[in-house]
Amino acid sequence: MALVGEETVGNLARAALFAALTGAFAYVSFTLPVTSVPFTLQVLGVFLAGAFLGPVWGFASLSLYLVAGAVGAPVFAGGGAGLGSLLGPTAGYLWSYPPAAGVVGLAVHGVGDLRDPSTAGLGRLVGGMAAATVVIYALGTAGFVLVGNVGVRTALVTAALPFVPAEALKAAACVAIVRSDAAAAR
């Protein structure tokens, strides 16, 4: 007798895959001259997990990512790991990833059954990523203020605003990947 159904096993496997992909994206990491917050491709993993897995499994995937990093897997920026990363100045960004993936998933799929993300309108896809970016920046900036012991203005100028153009590029990459899935199916 199976303990869980095939659908749950498949969803868990996909969630683990996107968690691993986000961890791999963390290795693309460098620091800009104006900030101590590293630039990474992790947010692209967040966008993709939400778009392809939906709100529940996107959230679960990025939660699995955080657990993996917390227990020592080197999946955070530049190969970082451990609880220190989840309590340091950039912890707010990491903690924002599960809800941000959920936001993208909700925008793309709505509530209920998952659908092919390539059938989602461009407005829904981009709107979901824009809303997710607001979640990421809000929690990330708040964490930077609290742990970094800086003011909100300083946090915005050093830990959020320099990354806006990069988030737009990551959103464009996500759109291209989602749309290429539809083109490959034809």
N, C-alpha and C. Protein backbone atom coordinates (compact mmCIF):
# COMPACT_ATOMS: atom_id res chain seq x y z
N MET A 1 0.84 -1.17 0.00
CA MET A 1 0.00 0.00 0.00
C MET A 1 0.89 1.25 0.00
N ALA A 2 0.64 2.13 -0.91
CA ALA A 2 1.43 3.35 -1.04
C ALA A 2 1.05 4.34 0.06
N LEU A 3 2.05 5.00 0.61
CA LEU A 3 1.80 5.99 1.65
C LEU A 3 1.30 7.31 1.06
N VAL A 4 1.81 7.66 -0.11
CA VAL A 4 1.36 8.87 -0.78
C VAL A 4 1.11 8.54 -2.25
N GLY A 5 0.31 9.35 -2.89
CA GLY A 5 -0.02 9.11 -4.28
C GLY A 5 1.09 9.53 -5.22
N GLU A 6 0.97 9.06 -6.45
CA GLU A 6 1.97 9.40 -7.47
C GLU A 6 2.04 10.90 -7.72
N GLU A 7 0.91 11.57 -7.66
CA GLU A 7 0.89 13.01 -7.90
C GLU A 7 1.72 13.75 -6.85
N THR A 8 1.59 13.35 -5.59
CA THR A 8 2.35 13.98 -4.51
C THR A 8 3.84 13.72 -4.69
N VAL A 9 4.20 12.49 -5.06
CA VAL A 9 5.60 12.16 -5.29
C VAL A 9 6.16 13.00 -6.43
N GLY A 10 5.40 13.12 -7.51
CA GLY A 10 5.84 13.94 -8.64
C GLY A 10 5.99 15.40 -8.26
N ASN A 11 5.04 15.94 -7.51
CA ASN A 11 5.12 17.33 -7.08
C ASN A 11 6.31 17.56 -6.15
N LEU A 12 6.54 16.61 -5.26
CA LEU A 12 7.69 16.73 -4.35
C LEU A 12 9.00 16.69 -5.13
N ALA A 13 9.07 15.84 -6.13
CA ALA A 13 10.28 15.76 -6.96
C ALA A 13 10.50 17.07 -7.71
N ARG A 14 9.44 17.64 -8.27
CA ARG A 14 9.57 18.92 -8.97
C ARG A 14 9.96 20.04 -7.99
N ALA A 15 9.39 20.01 -6.79
CA ALA A 15 9.73 21.01 -5.78
C ALA A 15 11.22 20.91 -5.43
N ALA A 16 11.71 19.69 -5.27
CA ALA A 16 13.13 19.50 -4.96
C ALA A 16 14.00 19.98 -6.12
N LEU A 17 13.56 19.73 -7.34
CA LEU A 17 14.31 20.18 -8.52
C LEU A 17 14.44 21.70 -8.54
N PHE A 18 13.34 22.41 -8.30
CA PHE A 18 13.40 23.87 -8.32
C PHE A 18 14.16 24.42 -7.11
N ALA A 19 14.12 23.73 -5.99
CA ALA A 19 14.94 24.13 -4.83
C ALA A 19 16.42 24.00 -5.19
N ALA A 20 16.77 22.90 -5.85
CA ALA A 20 18.16 22.70 -6.27
C ALA A 20 18.58 23.73 -7.32
N LEU A 21 17.68 24.05 -8.23
CA LEU A 21 17.97 25.05 -9.26
C LEU A 21 18.23 26.41 -8.61
N THR A 22 17.42 26.77 -7.63
CA THR A 22 17.62 28.03 -6.92
C THR A 22 18.97 28.02 -6.21
N GLY A 23 19.33 26.90 -5.62
CA GLY A 23 20.64 26.76 -4.99
C GLY A 23 21.77 26.91 -5.99
N ALA A 24 21.60 26.35 -7.17
CA ALA A 24 22.62 26.50 -8.22
C ALA A 24 22.73 27.95 -8.67
N PHE A 25 21.59 28.62 -8.77
CA PHE A 25 21.58 30.04 -9.15
C PHE A 25 22.29 30.91 -8.11
N ALA A 26 22.36 30.46 -6.87
CA ALA A 26 23.02 31.22 -5.81
C ALA A 26 24.52 31.31 -6.05
N TYR A 27 25.07 30.40 -6.84
CA TYR A 27 26.50 30.43 -7.12
C TYR A 27 26.88 31.53 -8.10
N VAL A 28 25.89 32.04 -8.83
CA VAL A 28 26.13 33.23 -9.65
C VAL A 28 25.98 34.39 -8.69
N SER A 29 27.08 34.78 -8.08
CA SER A 29 27.03 35.74 -6.97
C SER A 29 28.21 36.69 -7.03
N PHE A 30 27.92 37.97 -6.96
CA PHE A 30 28.96 38.97 -6.84
C PHE A 30 28.38 40.18 -6.12
N THR A 31 29.25 40.97 -5.54
CA THR A 31 28.81 42.14 -4.79
C THR A 31 29.07 43.39 -5.61
N LEU A 32 28.05 44.23 -5.69
CA LEU A 32 28.18 45.51 -6.38
C LEU A 32 28.96 46.48 -5.50
N PRO A 33 29.61 47.49 -6.08
CA PRO A 33 30.41 48.42 -5.27
C PRO A 33 29.60 49.24 -4.26
N VAL A 34 28.29 49.38 -4.49
CA VAL A 34 27.48 50.26 -3.62
C VAL A 34 26.77 49.52 -2.49
N THR A 35 26.98 48.22 -2.37
CA THR A 35 26.23 47.46 -1.37
C THR A 35 27.00 46.24 -0.90
N SER A 36 26.62 45.76 0.27
CA SER A 36 27.19 44.51 0.78
C SER A 36 26.27 43.32 0.48
N VAL A 37 25.10 43.60 -0.08
CA VAL A 37 24.15 42.54 -0.45
C VAL A 37 24.60 41.96 -1.78
N PRO A 38 24.79 40.65 -1.85
CA PRO A 38 25.26 40.07 -3.11
C PRO A 38 24.17 40.02 -4.17
N PHE A 39 24.59 40.20 -5.40
CA PHE A 39 23.72 39.99 -6.55
C PHE A 39 23.78 38.50 -6.87
N THR A 40 22.64 37.85 -7.02
CA THR A 40 22.59 36.44 -7.41
C THR A 40 21.45 36.24 -8.39
N LEU A 41 21.35 35.04 -8.91
CA LEU A 41 20.22 34.67 -9.77
C LEU A 41 19.12 33.93 -9.01
N GLN A 42 19.20 33.89 -7.68
CA GLN A 42 18.22 33.14 -6.89
C GLN A 42 16.79 33.56 -7.19
N VAL A 43 16.54 34.84 -7.39
CA VAL A 43 15.18 35.31 -7.63
C VAL A 43 14.62 34.70 -8.91
N LEU A 44 15.46 34.44 -9.89
CA LEU A 44 14.98 33.74 -11.09
C LEU A 44 14.44 32.37 -10.71
N GLY A 45 15.10 31.67 -9.81
CA GLY A 45 14.60 30.39 -9.32
C GLY A 45 13.26 30.53 -8.62
N VAL A 46 13.10 31.60 -7.85
CA VAL A 46 11.83 31.87 -7.17
C VAL A 46 10.73 32.07 -8.21
N PHE A 47 10.99 32.91 -9.21
CA PHE A 47 10.00 33.16 -10.26
C PHE A 47 9.62 31.87 -10.99
N LEU A 48 10.62 31.09 -11.35
CA LEU A 48 10.35 29.85 -12.10
C LEU A 48 9.58 28.84 -11.26
N ALA A 49 9.94 28.71 -9.99
CA ALA A 49 9.23 27.77 -9.12
C ALA A 49 7.76 28.14 -9.03
N GLY A 50 7.47 29.41 -8.83
CA GLY A 50 6.07 29.83 -8.76
C GLY A 50 5.34 29.62 -10.07
N ALA A 51 5.99 29.97 -11.18
CA ALA A 51 5.35 29.85 -12.49
C ALA A 51 5.06 28.40 -12.86
N PHE A 52 5.99 27.52 -12.59
CA PHE A 52 5.83 26.13 -13.01
C PHE A 52 5.15 25.24 -11.97
N LEU A 53 5.29 25.56 -10.69
CA LEU A 53 4.76 24.69 -9.65
C LEU A 53 3.45 25.17 -9.04
N GLY A 54 3.12 26.43 -9.22
CA GLY A 54 1.92 26.97 -8.62
C GLY A 54 2.17 27.47 -7.22
N PRO A 55 1.12 28.02 -6.58
CA PRO A 55 1.32 28.66 -5.28
C PRO A 55 1.73 27.71 -4.16
N VAL A 56 1.12 26.56 -4.08
CA VAL A 56 1.41 25.64 -2.97
C VAL A 56 2.77 24.99 -3.12
N TRP A 57 3.02 24.39 -4.26
CA TRP A 57 4.28 23.68 -4.45
C TRP A 57 5.44 24.63 -4.70
N GLY A 58 5.17 25.83 -5.24
CA GLY A 58 6.22 26.84 -5.34
C GLY A 58 6.68 27.25 -3.96
N PHE A 59 5.71 27.52 -3.06
CA PHE A 59 6.02 27.84 -1.67
C PHE A 59 6.79 26.69 -1.02
N ALA A 60 6.33 25.47 -1.23
CA ALA A 60 6.98 24.29 -0.64
C ALA A 60 8.41 24.13 -1.16
N SER A 61 8.61 24.39 -2.45
CA SER A 61 9.93 24.26 -3.05
C SER A 61 10.93 25.20 -2.40
N LEU A 62 10.55 26.45 -2.24
CA LEU A 62 11.48 27.41 -1.66
C LEU A 62 11.62 27.23 -0.16
N SER A 63 10.62 26.65 0.49
CA SER A 63 10.76 26.26 1.90
C SER A 63 11.78 25.14 2.02
N LEU A 64 11.71 24.17 1.12
CA LEU A 64 12.69 23.09 1.09
C LEU A 64 14.10 23.65 0.86
N TYR A 65 14.20 24.64 0.00
CA TYR A 65 15.47 25.32 -0.25
C TYR A 65 16.04 25.90 1.04
N LEU A 66 15.19 26.59 1.82
CA LEU A 66 15.64 27.18 3.08
C LEU A 66 16.07 26.11 4.08
N VAL A 67 15.31 25.02 4.16
CA VAL A 67 15.66 23.93 5.07
C VAL A 67 17.00 23.32 4.67
N ALA A 68 17.18 23.10 3.37
CA ALA A 68 18.45 22.53 2.90
C ALA A 68 19.62 23.42 3.30
N GLY A 69 19.48 24.71 3.10
CA GLY A 69 20.54 25.64 3.49
C GLY A 69 20.76 25.69 4.99
N ALA A 70 19.67 25.64 5.74
CA ALA A 70 19.76 25.70 7.21
C ALA A 70 20.52 24.52 7.78
N VAL A 71 20.36 23.35 7.17
CA VAL A 71 21.03 22.16 7.70
C VAL A 71 22.44 21.96 7.12
N GLY A 72 22.88 22.92 6.30
CA GLY A 72 24.27 22.87 5.86
C GLY A 72 24.53 22.69 4.39
N ALA A 73 23.52 22.49 3.58
CA ALA A 73 23.77 22.40 2.14
C ALA A 73 24.20 23.78 1.64
N PRO A 74 25.25 23.87 0.86
CA PRO A 74 25.78 25.17 0.43
C PRO A 74 24.96 25.77 -0.72
N VAL A 75 23.74 26.21 -0.40
CA VAL A 75 22.81 26.66 -1.43
C VAL A 75 22.50 28.15 -1.37
N PHE A 76 23.10 28.87 -0.43
CA PHE A 76 22.86 30.31 -0.34
C PHE A 76 23.94 31.05 -1.14
N ALA A 77 23.82 32.34 -1.23
CA ALA A 77 24.72 33.15 -2.06
C ALA A 77 26.18 32.76 -1.88
N GLY A 78 26.83 32.51 -3.00
CA GLY A 78 28.25 32.17 -2.97
C GLY A 78 28.58 30.87 -2.27
N GLY A 79 27.63 29.98 -2.11
CA GLY A 79 27.86 28.70 -1.45
C GLY A 79 27.71 28.76 0.06
N GLY A 80 27.07 29.81 0.56
CA GLY A 80 26.83 29.92 2.01
C GLY A 80 25.82 28.89 2.48
N ALA A 81 25.86 28.61 3.77
CA ALA A 81 24.94 27.64 4.37
C ALA A 81 24.85 27.90 5.86
N GLY A 82 23.87 27.26 6.47
CA GLY A 82 23.74 27.30 7.92
C GLY A 82 22.75 28.33 8.40
N LEU A 83 22.44 28.22 9.69
CA LEU A 83 21.48 29.12 10.31
C LEU A 83 21.94 30.57 10.31
N GLY A 84 23.24 30.80 10.31
CA GLY A 84 23.76 32.17 10.29
C GLY A 84 23.26 32.94 9.08
N SER A 85 23.15 32.28 7.95
CA SER A 85 22.64 32.93 6.75
C SER A 85 21.18 33.32 6.90
N LEU A 86 20.44 32.53 7.68
CA LEU A 86 19.01 32.80 7.87
C LEU A 86 18.76 33.80 9.01
N LEU A 87 19.83 34.27 9.63
CA LEU A 87 19.70 35.24 10.71
C LEU A 87 20.53 36.50 10.46
N GLY A 88 21.27 36.54 9.36
CA GLY A 88 22.15 37.66 9.06
C GLY A 88 21.45 38.80 8.34
N PRO A 89 22.23 39.77 7.88
CA PRO A 89 21.68 40.97 7.25
C PRO A 89 20.84 40.70 5.99
N THR A 90 21.13 39.63 5.28
CA THR A 90 20.36 39.33 4.07
C THR A 90 19.29 38.25 4.30
N ALA A 91 19.06 37.91 5.56
CA ALA A 91 18.10 36.86 5.88
C ALA A 91 16.68 37.18 5.40
N GLY A 92 16.30 38.43 5.44
CA GLY A 92 14.96 38.81 5.01
C GLY A 92 14.70 38.43 3.57
N TYR A 93 15.72 38.54 2.74
CA TYR A 93 15.57 38.13 1.34
C TYR A 93 15.30 36.64 1.26
N LEU A 94 16.10 35.86 1.98
CA LEU A 94 15.91 34.41 1.95
C LEU A 94 14.53 34.02 2.45
N TRP A 95 14.10 34.60 3.58
CA TRP A 95 12.79 34.26 4.14
C TRP A 95 11.65 34.68 3.22
N SER A 96 11.90 35.64 2.34
CA SER A 96 10.85 36.10 1.43
C SER A 96 10.61 35.15 0.27
N TYR A 97 11.54 34.27 0.00
CA TYR A 97 11.43 33.43 -1.20
C TYR A 97 10.20 32.52 -1.23
N PRO A 98 9.87 31.80 -0.16
CA PRO A 98 8.66 30.96 -0.25
C PRO A 98 7.38 31.77 -0.52
N PRO A 99 7.10 32.84 0.23
CA PRO A 99 5.87 33.58 -0.11
C PRO A 99 5.93 34.23 -1.49
N ALA A 100 7.11 34.66 -1.92
CA ALA A 100 7.22 35.26 -3.25
C ALA A 100 6.91 34.23 -4.34
N ALA A 101 7.40 33.01 -4.20
CA ALA A 101 7.08 31.96 -5.16
C ALA A 101 5.58 31.68 -5.15
N GLY A 102 4.98 31.70 -3.95
CA GLY A 102 3.53 31.53 -3.85
C GLY A 102 2.77 32.62 -4.56
N VAL A 103 3.25 33.85 -4.47
CA VAL A 103 2.60 34.97 -5.15
C VAL A 103 2.65 34.79 -6.67
N VAL A 104 3.80 34.41 -7.19
CA VAL A 104 3.92 34.17 -8.64
C VAL A 104 2.98 33.03 -9.05
N GLY A 105 3.00 31.96 -8.27
CA GLY A 105 2.13 30.81 -8.58
C GLY A 105 0.66 31.18 -8.56
N LEU A 106 0.26 31.99 -7.60
CA LEU A 106 -1.14 32.42 -7.52
C LEU A 106 -1.51 33.28 -8.71
N ALA A 107 -0.62 34.17 -9.12
CA ALA A 107 -0.89 35.03 -10.27
C ALA A 107 -1.00 34.22 -11.55
N VAL A 108 -0.14 33.25 -11.72
CA VAL A 108 -0.10 32.47 -12.96
C VAL A 108 -1.21 31.42 -13.00
N HIS A 109 -1.46 30.75 -11.88
CA HIS A 109 -2.38 29.61 -11.87
C HIS A 109 -3.72 29.89 -11.20
N GLY A 110 -3.78 30.93 -10.37
CA GLY A 110 -4.99 31.15 -9.60
C GLY A 110 -5.11 30.08 -8.52
N VAL A 111 -6.31 29.90 -8.02
CA VAL A 111 -6.53 28.85 -7.03
C VAL A 111 -7.14 27.64 -7.74
N GLY A 112 -6.87 26.49 -7.23
CA GLY A 112 -7.40 25.28 -7.85
C GLY A 112 -6.32 24.54 -8.61
N ASP A 113 -6.72 23.91 -9.68
CA ASP A 113 -5.81 23.08 -10.46
C ASP A 113 -4.75 23.90 -11.17
N LEU A 114 -3.59 23.30 -11.32
CA LEU A 114 -2.51 23.94 -12.06
C LEU A 114 -2.81 23.88 -13.54
N ARG A 115 -2.30 24.86 -14.24
CA ARG A 115 -2.45 24.88 -15.70
C ARG A 115 -1.08 25.07 -16.32
N ASP A 116 -1.01 24.92 -17.60
CA ASP A 116 0.24 25.15 -18.31
C ASP A 116 0.60 26.63 -18.16
N PRO A 117 1.75 26.94 -17.55
CA PRO A 117 2.07 28.36 -17.33
C PRO A 117 2.22 29.16 -18.62
N SER A 118 2.52 28.48 -19.73
CA SER A 118 2.67 29.21 -20.99
C SER A 118 1.34 29.75 -21.50
N THR A 119 0.23 29.27 -20.94
CA THR A 119 -1.08 29.78 -21.35
C THR A 119 -1.50 31.00 -20.53
N ALA A 120 -0.76 31.31 -19.50
CA ALA A 120 -1.06 32.49 -18.69
C ALA A 120 -0.75 33.74 -19.50
N GLY A 121 -1.58 34.74 -19.36
CA GLY A 121 -1.34 35.99 -20.06
C GLY A 121 -0.06 36.65 -19.59
N LEU A 122 0.53 37.43 -20.44
CA LEU A 122 1.77 38.12 -20.11
C LEU A 122 1.56 39.04 -18.91
N GLY A 123 0.40 39.69 -18.83
CA GLY A 123 0.10 40.57 -17.70
C GLY A 123 0.08 39.83 -16.38
N ARG A 124 -0.50 38.63 -16.39
CA ARG A 124 -0.54 37.82 -15.15
C ARG A 124 0.86 37.40 -14.74
N LEU A 125 1.62 36.97 -15.70
CA LEU A 125 2.98 36.49 -15.42
C LEU A 125 3.86 37.64 -14.91
N VAL A 126 3.89 38.74 -15.63
CA VAL A 126 4.72 39.88 -15.23
C VAL A 126 4.18 40.50 -13.94
N GLY A 127 2.86 40.60 -13.82
CA GLY A 127 2.27 41.14 -12.60
C GLY A 127 2.61 40.30 -11.38
N GLY A 128 2.58 38.99 -11.54
CA GLY A 128 2.94 38.10 -10.44
C GLY A 128 4.39 38.27 -10.03
N MET A 129 5.28 38.41 -11.02
CA MET A 129 6.69 38.60 -10.68
C MET A 129 6.93 39.97 -10.06
N ALA A 130 6.20 40.99 -10.52
CA ALA A 130 6.34 42.32 -9.91
C ALA A 130 5.86 42.29 -8.46
N ALA A 131 4.74 41.63 -8.21
CA ALA A 131 4.24 41.52 -6.83
C ALA A 131 5.21 40.72 -5.97
N ALA A 132 5.78 39.66 -6.53
CA ALA A 132 6.75 38.86 -5.79
C ALA A 132 8.00 39.68 -5.47
N THR A 133 8.40 40.53 -6.40
CA THR A 133 9.56 41.39 -6.17
C THR A 133 9.29 42.36 -5.02
N VAL A 134 8.06 42.87 -4.94
CA VAL A 134 7.69 43.74 -3.83
C VAL A 134 7.81 42.98 -2.51
N VAL A 135 7.34 41.72 -2.49
CA VAL A 135 7.46 40.89 -1.28
C VAL A 135 8.92 40.70 -0.91
N ILE A 136 9.74 40.37 -1.89
CA ILE A 136 11.17 40.13 -1.65
C ILE A 136 11.84 41.38 -1.11
N TYR A 137 11.59 42.52 -1.75
CA TYR A 137 12.23 43.76 -1.32
C TYR A 137 11.71 44.22 0.03
N ALA A 138 10.42 44.04 0.29
CA ALA A 138 9.86 44.47 1.58
C ALA A 138 10.49 43.68 2.72
N LEU A 139 10.49 42.36 2.61
CA LEU A 139 11.08 41.53 3.67
C LEU A 139 12.60 41.67 3.72
N GLY A 140 13.21 41.74 2.56
CA GLY A 140 14.67 41.88 2.51
C GLY A 140 15.13 43.19 3.11
N THR A 141 14.46 44.27 2.76
CA THR A 141 14.83 45.58 3.30
C THR A 141 14.56 45.64 4.80
N ALA A 142 13.42 45.10 5.23
CA ALA A 142 13.10 45.09 6.66
C ALA A 142 14.16 44.30 7.43
N GLY A 143 14.55 43.16 6.91
CA GLY A 143 15.60 42.36 7.57
C GLY A 143 16.92 43.09 7.60
N PHE A 144 17.24 43.79 6.52
CA PHE A 144 18.49 44.54 6.46
C PHE A 144 18.49 45.68 7.48
N VAL A 145 17.34 46.32 7.66
CA VAL A 145 17.21 47.38 8.65
C VAL A 145 17.40 46.82 10.05
N LEU A 146 16.72 45.72 10.34
CA LEU A 146 16.76 45.14 11.69
C LEU A 146 18.12 44.56 12.05
N VAL A 147 18.65 43.75 11.18
CA VAL A 147 19.89 43.04 11.49
C VAL A 147 21.12 43.89 11.17
N GLY A 148 21.02 44.69 10.10
CA GLY A 148 22.16 45.52 9.71
C GLY A 148 22.27 46.80 10.50
N ASN A 149 21.25 47.07 11.32
CA ASN A 149 21.24 48.25 12.17
C ASN A 149 21.46 49.53 11.35
N VAL A 150 20.69 49.65 10.27
CA VAL A 150 20.73 50.84 9.43
C VAL A 150 19.32 51.39 9.30
N GLY A 151 19.20 52.61 8.81
CA GLY A 151 17.90 53.21 8.59
C GLY A 151 17.23 52.69 7.33
N VAL A 152 15.95 52.95 7.21
CA VAL A 152 15.19 52.48 6.05
C VAL A 152 15.74 53.08 4.76
N ARG A 153 16.04 54.36 4.76
CA ARG A 153 16.57 55.01 3.56
C ARG A 153 17.88 54.35 3.12
N THR A 154 18.78 54.15 4.06
CA THR A 154 20.06 53.51 3.75
C THR A 154 19.83 52.09 3.22
N ALA A 155 18.93 51.37 3.83
CA ALA A 155 18.63 50.00 3.38
C ALA A 155 18.08 50.01 1.97
N LEU A 156 17.17 50.92 1.67
CA LEU A 156 16.60 50.99 0.32
C LEU A 156 17.67 51.33 -0.72
N VAL A 157 18.53 52.29 -0.38
CA VAL A 157 19.55 52.73 -1.33
C VAL A 157 20.64 51.68 -1.54
N THR A 158 20.95 50.92 -0.50
CA THR A 158 22.05 49.96 -0.63
C THR A 158 21.61 48.52 -0.83
N ALA A 159 20.38 48.18 -0.41
CA ALA A 159 19.99 46.77 -0.43
C ALA A 159 18.78 46.48 -1.33
N ALA A 160 18.23 47.49 -1.97
CA ALA A 160 17.07 47.25 -2.83
C ALA A 160 17.22 47.93 -4.20
N LEU A 161 17.32 49.24 -4.22
CA LEU A 161 17.30 49.98 -5.48
C LEU A 161 18.37 49.56 -6.50
N PRO A 162 19.59 49.24 -6.07
CA PRO A 162 20.59 48.83 -7.07
C PRO A 162 20.21 47.55 -7.83
N PHE A 163 19.25 46.79 -7.29
CA PHE A 163 18.93 45.50 -7.87
C PHE A 163 17.72 45.53 -8.81
N VAL A 164 17.02 46.66 -8.86
CA VAL A 164 15.79 46.74 -9.66
C VAL A 164 16.03 46.39 -11.13
N PRO A 165 17.04 46.95 -11.79
CA PRO A 165 17.26 46.56 -13.20
C PRO A 165 17.52 45.06 -13.37
N ALA A 166 18.24 44.47 -12.43
CA ALA A 166 18.52 43.03 -12.51
C ALA A 166 17.25 42.21 -12.36
N GLU A 167 16.33 42.66 -11.48
CA GLU A 167 15.07 41.92 -11.32
C GLU A 167 14.26 41.96 -12.61
N ALA A 168 14.30 43.09 -13.31
CA ALA A 168 13.59 43.19 -14.59
C ALA A 168 14.17 42.19 -15.60
N LEU A 169 15.49 42.04 -15.59
CA LEU A 169 16.12 41.06 -16.50
C LEU A 169 15.76 39.63 -16.11
N LYS A 170 15.69 39.35 -14.81
CA LYS A 170 15.31 38.02 -14.35
C LYS A 170 13.86 37.72 -14.72
N ALA A 171 13.00 38.73 -14.61
CA ALA A 171 11.60 38.55 -15.01
C ALA A 171 11.50 38.27 -16.50
N ALA A 172 12.28 39.00 -17.29
CA ALA A 172 12.28 38.77 -18.75
C ALA A 172 12.78 37.36 -19.06
N ALA A 173 13.80 36.91 -18.34
CA ALA A 173 14.31 35.55 -18.55
C ALA A 173 13.24 34.52 -18.20
N CYS A 174 12.51 34.75 -17.12
CA CYS A 174 11.44 33.83 -16.72
C CYS A 174 10.36 33.78 -17.80
N VAL A 175 9.97 34.94 -18.31
CA VAL A 175 8.96 34.97 -19.38
C VAL A 175 9.46 34.18 -20.58
N ALA A 176 10.72 34.39 -20.96
CA ALA A 176 11.28 33.67 -22.10
C ALA A 176 11.28 32.16 -21.87
N ILE A 177 11.62 31.74 -20.66
CA ILE A 177 11.65 30.30 -20.36
C ILE A 177 10.24 29.73 -20.40
N VAL A 178 9.30 30.42 -19.79
CA VAL A 178 7.91 29.94 -19.77
C VAL A 178 7.37 29.89 -21.20
N ARG A 179 7.64 30.90 -21.98
CA ARG A 179 7.15 30.94 -23.37
C ARG A 179 7.87 29.92 -24.24
N SER A 180 9.14 29.64 -23.97
CA SER A 180 9.87 28.65 -24.76
C SER A 180 9.31 27.26 -24.53
N ASP A 181 8.75 27.04 -23.35
CA ASP A 181 8.11 25.76 -23.04
C ASP A 181 6.93 25.54 -23.99
N ALA A 182 6.18 26.60 -24.27
CA ALA A 182 5.04 26.50 -25.18
C ALA A 182 5.51 26.28 -26.61
N ALA A 183 6.59 26.99 -27.00
CA ALA A 183 7.12 26.84 -28.35
C ALA A 183 7.66 25.43 -28.58
N ALA A 184 8.29 24.86 -27.56
CA ALA A 184 8.83 23.51 -27.69
C ALA A 184 7.72 22.48 -27.81
N ALA A 185 6.56 22.76 -27.23
CA ALA A 185 5.44 21.81 -27.27
C ALA A 185 4.78 21.77 -28.64
N ARG A 186 4.97 22.83 -29.43
CA ARG A 186 4.31 22.89 -30.75
C ARG A 186 4.98 22.05 -31.77
